Amino acid sequence: MAKRGGFPGGMPGNMNNLMKQAQRMQRQMEENQKEMETKEFTAKAGGGAVEVTVTGKKEVTKVKLSEEVVDPDDIEMLEDLVMAATNEALRMAEEAGAEMMNKMTGGLGLGGGFPF
């Protein structure tokens, strides 16, 4: 006669182990997120004439301009260089975050959403 309820093969013990692993992974993710937020990413544009630094929180913390790039008659070029450097620094921060998640999940593709 078959048993009713429960899981055959001791599944509740495995479930406890899974929960512990999930809690450990969550703590590691929180620690890595805090670490990521303290990192800075710097990118340059225009041969180094414009330099932008962002944090892992994707906040701009520094913009450095060389004197030769400041031309009152060509503001559009300066705007484009600032935008290019900012976008590159943000891309670097995003890439570092994705790399961190990839290490955490072992390449399972769980970082940006579930693949199913």
C-alpha atoms as a PDB file:
ATOM      1  CA  MET A   1       0.000   0.000   0.000  1.00  0.00           C
ATOM      2  CA  ALA A   2       1.407   3.405  -1.005  1.00  0.00           C
ATOM      3  CA  LYS A   3       1.984   6.177   1.508  1.00  0.00           C
ATOM      4  CA  ARG A   4      -0.028   9.330   1.156  1.00  0.00           C
ATOM      5  CA  GLY A   5       1.626  12.734   1.337  1.00  0.00           C
ATOM      6  CA  GLY A   6       5.299  13.528   1.731  1.00  0.00           C
ATOM      7  CA  PHE A   7       8.033  12.944  -0.776  1.00  0.00           C
ATOM      8  CA  PRO A   8       9.641   9.562  -1.369  1.00  0.00           C
ATOM      9  CA  GLY A   9      13.400   9.303  -0.898  1.00  0.00           C
ATOM     10  CA  GLY A  10      13.823  11.847   1.903  1.00  0.00           C
ATOM     11  CA  MET A  11      13.021  14.942  -0.149  1.00  0.00           C
ATOM     12  CA  PRO A  12      12.386  17.189   2.908  1.00  0.00           C
ATOM     13  CA  GLY A  13      16.074  16.896   3.883  1.00  0.00           C
ATOM     14  CA  ASN A  14      17.085  17.921   0.384  1.00  0.00           C
ATOM     15  CA  MET A  15      14.651  20.825   0.572  1.00  0.00           C
ATOM     16  CA  ASN A  16      16.361  22.072   3.746  1.00  0.00           C
ATOM     17  CA  ASN A  17      19.729  21.923   2.001  1.00  0.00           C
ATOM     18  CA  LEU A  18      18.314  23.836  -0.963  1.00  0.00           C
ATOM     19  CA  MET A  19      16.937  26.520   1.341  1.00  0.00           C
ATOM     20  CA  LYS A  20      20.300  26.887   3.103  1.00  0.00           C
ATOM     21  CA  GLN A  21      22.068  27.174  -0.249  1.00  0.00           C
ATOM     22  CA  ALA A  22      19.563  29.777  -1.422  1.00  0.00           C
ATOM     23  CA  GLN A  23      20.037  31.821   1.763  1.00  0.00           C
ATOM     24  CA  ARG A  24      23.827  31.612   1.405  1.00  0.00           C
ATOM     25  CA  MET A  25      23.609  32.726  -2.215  1.00  0.00           C
ATOM     26  CA  GLN A  26      21.341  35.617  -1.244  1.00  0.00           C
ATOM     27  CA  ARG A  27      23.851  36.796   1.391  1.00  0.00           C
ATOM     28  CA  GLN A  28      26.677  36.547  -1.148  1.00  0.00           C
ATOM     29  CA  MET A  29      24.648  38.514  -3.689  1.00  0.00           C
ATOM     30  CA  GLU A  30      23.965  41.259  -1.139  1.00  0.00           C
ATOM     31  CA  GLU A  31      27.662  41.438  -0.211  1.00  0.00           C
ATOM     32  CA  ASN A  32      28.687  41.537  -3.870  1.00  0.00           C
ATOM     33  CA  GLN A  33      26.104  44.237  -4.590  1.00  0.00           C
ATOM     34  CA  LYS A  34      27.492  46.407  -1.774  1.00  0.00           C
ATOM     35  CA  GLU A  35      31.017  45.854  -3.095  1.00  0.00           C
ATOM     36  CA  MET A  36      29.900  46.673  -6.627  1.00  0.00           C
ATOM     37  CA  GLU A  37      28.346  49.948  -5.469  1.00  0.00           C
ATOM     38  CA  THR A  38      31.718  51.109  -4.100  1.00  0.00           C
ATOM     39  CA  LYS A  39      33.612  50.440  -7.335  1.00  0.00           C
ATOM     40  CA  GLU A  40      34.353  53.196  -9.809  1.00  0.00           C
ATOM     41  CA  PHE A  41      34.602  52.984 -13.589  1.00  0.00           C
ATOM     42  CA  THR A  42      36.381  55.615 -15.657  1.00  0.00           C
ATOM     43  CA  ALA A  43      36.166  56.057 -19.403  1.00  0.00           C
ATOM     44  CA  LYS A  44      37.758  58.578 -21.739  1.00  0.00           C
ATOM     45  CA  ALA A  45      36.721  60.093 -25.063  1.00  0.00           C
ATOM     46  CA  GLY A  46      38.395  62.358 -27.583  1.00  0.00           C
ATOM     47  CA  GLY A  47      41.822  60.851 -26.989  1.00  0.00           C
ATOM     48  CA  GLY A  48      41.561  61.496 -23.252  1.00  0.00           C
ATOM     49  CA  ALA A  49      40.267  65.065 -23.560  1.00  0.00           C
ATOM     50  CA  VAL A  50      37.113  64.069 -21.661  1.00  0.00           C
ATOM     51  CA  GLU A  51      37.120  61.658 -18.733  1.00  0.00           C
ATOM     52  CA  VAL A  52      34.016  60.494 -16.849  1.00  0.00           C
ATOM     53  CA  THR A  53      33.879  58.367 -13.698  1.00  0.00           C
ATOM     54  CA  VAL A  54      30.763  56.515 -12.528  1.00  0.00           C
ATOM     55  CA  THR A  55      30.109  54.242  -9.567  1.00  0.00           C
ATOM     56  CA  GLY A  56      28.681  50.738  -9.604  1.00  0.00           C
ATOM     57  CA  LYS A  57      25.423  52.440  -8.609  1.00  0.00           C
ATOM     58  CA  LYS A  58      25.614  54.133 -12.035  1.00  0.00           C
ATOM     59  CA  GLU A  59      26.046  57.620 -10.624  1.00  0.00           C
ATOM     60  CA  VAL A  60      28.438  60.085 -12.246  1.00  0.00           C
ATOM     61  CA  THR A  61      31.021  61.147  -9.657  1.00  0.00           C
ATOM     62  CA  LYS A  62      33.580  62.968 -11.785  1.00  0.00           C
ATOM     63  CA  VAL A  63      33.842  64.747 -15.136  1.00  0.00           C
ATOM     64  CA  LYS A  64      37.285  65.957 -16.188  1.00  0.00           C
ATOM     65  CA  LEU A  65      37.804  68.163 -19.252  1.00  0.00           C
ATOM     66  CA  SER A  66      41.076  69.142 -20.907  1.00  0.00           C
ATOM     67  CA  GLU A  67      41.380  72.832 -21.753  1.00  0.00           C
ATOM     68  CA  GLU A  68      41.781  72.178 -25.469  1.00  0.00           C
ATOM     69  CA  VAL A  69      38.365  70.520 -25.672  1.00  0.00           C
ATOM     70  CA  VAL A  70      36.575  73.588 -24.296  1.00  0.00           C
ATOM     71  CA  ASP A  71      35.788  75.574 -27.434  1.00  0.00           C
ATOM     72  CA  PRO A  72      32.901  78.024 -27.061  1.00  0.00           C
ATOM     73  CA  ASP A  73      32.366  77.834 -30.820  1.00  0.00           C
ATOM     74  CA  ASP A  74      31.924  74.044 -30.764  1.00  0.00           C
ATOM     75  CA  ILE A  75      29.822  73.143 -27.738  1.00  0.00           C
ATOM     76  CA  GLU A  76      28.258  70.227 -29.637  1.00  0.00           C
ATOM     77  CA  MET A  77      31.590  68.406 -29.879  1.00  0.00           C
ATOM     78  CA  LEU A  78      32.119  68.724 -26.123  1.00  0.00           C
ATOM     79  CA  GLU A  79      28.589  67.480 -25.460  1.00  0.00           C
ATOM     80  CA  ASP A  80      29.184  64.472 -27.713  1.00  0.00           C
ATOM     81  CA  LEU A  81      32.479  63.642 -25.991  1.00  0.00           C
ATOM     82  CA  VAL A  82      30.937  63.864 -22.522  1.00  0.00           C
ATOM     83  CA  MET A  83      28.061  61.661 -23.648  1.00  0.00           C
ATOM     84  CA  ALA A  84      30.409  59.104 -25.227  1.00  0.00           C
ATOM     85  CA  ALA A  85      32.640  58.885 -22.148  1.00  0.00           C
ATOM     86  CA  THR A  86      29.623  58.635 -19.824  1.00  0.00           C
ATOM     87  CA  ASN A  87      28.014  55.878 -21.883  1.00  0.00           C
ATOM     88  CA  GLU A  88      31.271  53.916 -21.992  1.00  0.00           C
ATOM     89  CA  ALA A  89      31.767  54.204 -18.212  1.00  0.00           C
ATOM     90  CA  LEU A  90      28.171  53.062 -17.637  1.00  0.00           C
ATOM     91  CA  ARG A  91      28.717  50.135 -20.034  1.00  0.00           C
ATOM     92  CA  MET A  92      31.813  49.159 -18.045  1.00  0.00           C
ATOM     93  CA  ALA A  93      29.828  49.233 -14.794  1.00  0.00           C
ATOM     94  CA  GLU A  94      27.040  47.163 -16.344  1.00  0.00           C
ATOM     95  CA  GLU A  95      29.531  44.636 -17.700  1.00  0.00           C
ATOM     96  CA  ALA A  96      31.215  44.301 -14.293  1.00  0.00           C
ATOM     97  CA  GLY A  97      27.821  43.725 -12.658  1.00  0.00           C
ATOM     98  CA  ALA A  98      26.895  41.077 -15.211  1.00  0.00           C
ATOM     99  CA  GLU A  99      30.254  39.383 -14.731  1.00  0.00           C
ATOM    100  CA  MET A 100      29.709  39.327 -10.967  1.00  0.00           C
ATOM    101  CA  MET A 101      26.263  37.761 -11.433  1.00  0.00           C
ATOM    102  CA  ASN A 102      27.661  35.215 -13.863  1.00  0.00           C
ATOM    103  CA  LYS A 103      30.223  34.142 -11.253  1.00  0.00           C
ATOM    104  CA  MET A 104      27.509  33.926  -8.599  1.00  0.00           C
ATOM    105  CA  THR A 105      25.134  31.837 -10.680  1.00  0.00           C
ATOM    106  CA  GLY A 106      27.805  29.693 -12.286  1.00  0.00           C
ATOM    107  CA  GLY A 107      26.726  30.732 -15.767  1.00  0.00           C
ATOM    108  CA  LEU A 108      23.152  29.503 -15.298  1.00  0.00           C
ATOM    109  CA  GLY A 109      21.712  32.664 -16.818  1.00  0.00           C
ATOM    110  CA  LEU A 110      19.856  33.690 -13.655  1.00  0.00           C
ATOM    111  CA  GLY A 111      21.214  37.232 -13.466  1.00  0.00           C
ATOM    112  CA  GLY A 112      18.843  39.284 -15.580  1.00  0.00           C
ATOM    113  CA  GLY A 113      15.776  37.127 -15.247  1.00  0.00           C
ATOM    114  CA  PHE A 114      14.932  33.517 -15.545  1.00  0.00           C
ATOM    115  CA  PRO A 115      15.425  31.857 -18.929  1.00  0.00           C
ATOM    116  CA  PHE A 116      12.126  29.956 -18.820  1.00  0.00           C
END
